[in-house]
Protein backbone atom coordinates (compact mmCIF):
# COMPACT_ATOMS: atom_id res chain seq x y z
CA UNK A 1 1.07 4.21 15.54
CA UNK A 2 1.16 1.31 12.93
CA UNK A 3 -2.16 1.97 11.78
CA UNK A 4 -1.13 5.71 11.28
CA UNK A 5 1.91 4.60 9.50
CA UNK A 6 -0.14 2.36 7.18
CA UNK A 7 -2.84 5.22 6.63
CA UNK A 8 -0.16 7.54 5.62
CA UNK A 9 1.42 5.07 3.12
CA UNK A 10 -2.36 4.92 1.57
CA UNK A 11 -2.35 8.59 1.33
CA UNK A 12 1.09 8.74 -0.12
CA UNK A 13 0.26 5.92 -2.80
CA UNK A 14 -2.89 7.91 -3.57
CA UNK A 15 -1.07 11.04 -4.02
CA UNK A 16 1.40 9.24 -6.39
CA UNK A 17 -1.65 7.82 -8.53
CA UNK A 18 -3.06 11.41 -8.81
CA UNK A 19 0.35 12.64 -10.06
CA UNK A 20 0.42 9.79 -12.62
CA UNK A 21 -3.00 10.68 -13.93
CA UNK A 22 -2.12 14.27 -14.03
CA UNK A 23 1.05 13.67 -16.02
CA UNK A 24 -0.94 11.72 -18.50
CA UNK A 25 -3.68 14.43 -18.73
CA UNK A 26 -1.02 17.04 -19.42
CA UNK A 27 0.66 14.75 -21.86
CA UNK A 28 3.75 14.85 -19.53
CA UNK A 29 5.04 11.56 -20.72
CA UNK A 30 8.45 11.67 -19.80
CA UNK A 31 7.33 12.04 -16.10
CA UNK A 32 5.37 9.03 -15.98
CA UNK A 33 8.26 6.28 -15.63
CA UNK A 34 9.91 7.78 -12.74
CA UNK A 35 6.57 8.13 -11.07
CA UNK A 36 5.45 4.59 -11.72
CA UNK A 37 8.88 3.49 -10.13
CA UNK A 38 8.21 5.43 -7.18
CA UNK A 39 4.72 4.03 -7.00
CA UNK A 40 6.02 0.61 -7.20
CA UNK A 41 8.76 0.88 -4.71
CA UNK A 42 6.17 2.51 -2.16
CA UNK A 43 3.57 0.00 -2.58
CA UNK A 44 6.08 -3.07 -2.27
CA UNK A 45 7.12 -1.79 0.85
CA UNK A 46 3.79 -0.85 2.12
CA UNK A 47 2.65 -4.35 1.46
CA UNK A 48 5.63 -5.85 2.82
CA UNK A 49 5.18 -3.59 6.36
CA UNK A 50 1.19 -4.71 6.12
CA UNK A 51 2.41 -8.42 5.99
CA UNK A 52 5.18 -8.33 8.67
CA UNK A 53 3.24 -6.20 11.16
CA UNK A 54 -0.11 -5.55 10.44
CA UNK A 55 -1.58 -9.32 9.29
CA UNK A 56 0.95 -10.94 11.39
CA UNK A 57 -0.75 -9.21 14.51
CA UNK A 58 -4.08 -9.72 13.10
CA UNK A 59 -3.91 -13.31 12.60
CA UNK A 60 -2.75 -13.67 16.22
CA UNK A 61 -5.47 -11.74 17.58
CA UNK A 62 -8.01 -13.92 15.75
CA UNK A 63 -6.14 -17.13 16.02
CA UNK A 64 -9.22 -18.73 17.91
CA UNK A 65 -11.59 -18.02 14.92
CA UNK A 66 -10.96 -20.61 12.22
CA UNK A 67 -13.30 -18.79 9.74
CA UNK A 68 -11.82 -15.40 10.06
CA UNK A 69 -8.21 -17.09 9.82
CA UNK A 70 -8.98 -18.94 6.80
CA UNK A 71 -10.56 -15.80 5.08
CA UNK A 72 -7.38 -13.81 6.12
CA UNK A 73 -5.25 -16.59 4.35
């Protein structure tokens, strides 16, 4: 379920970036600050979810492989 959740977040973030591009292309500059703020909030939440849930699990699963553990850090 975690991977599905994180993948859905990626899709949402990509959609927000596409919306930002559309706003710029159509010169709808007044809409950009709110879209950027939404992107910032969603991205920070996503990074926190990855740090707490995903990477913690990966680090535990690979704790016996020092090379991979070092690269993850």
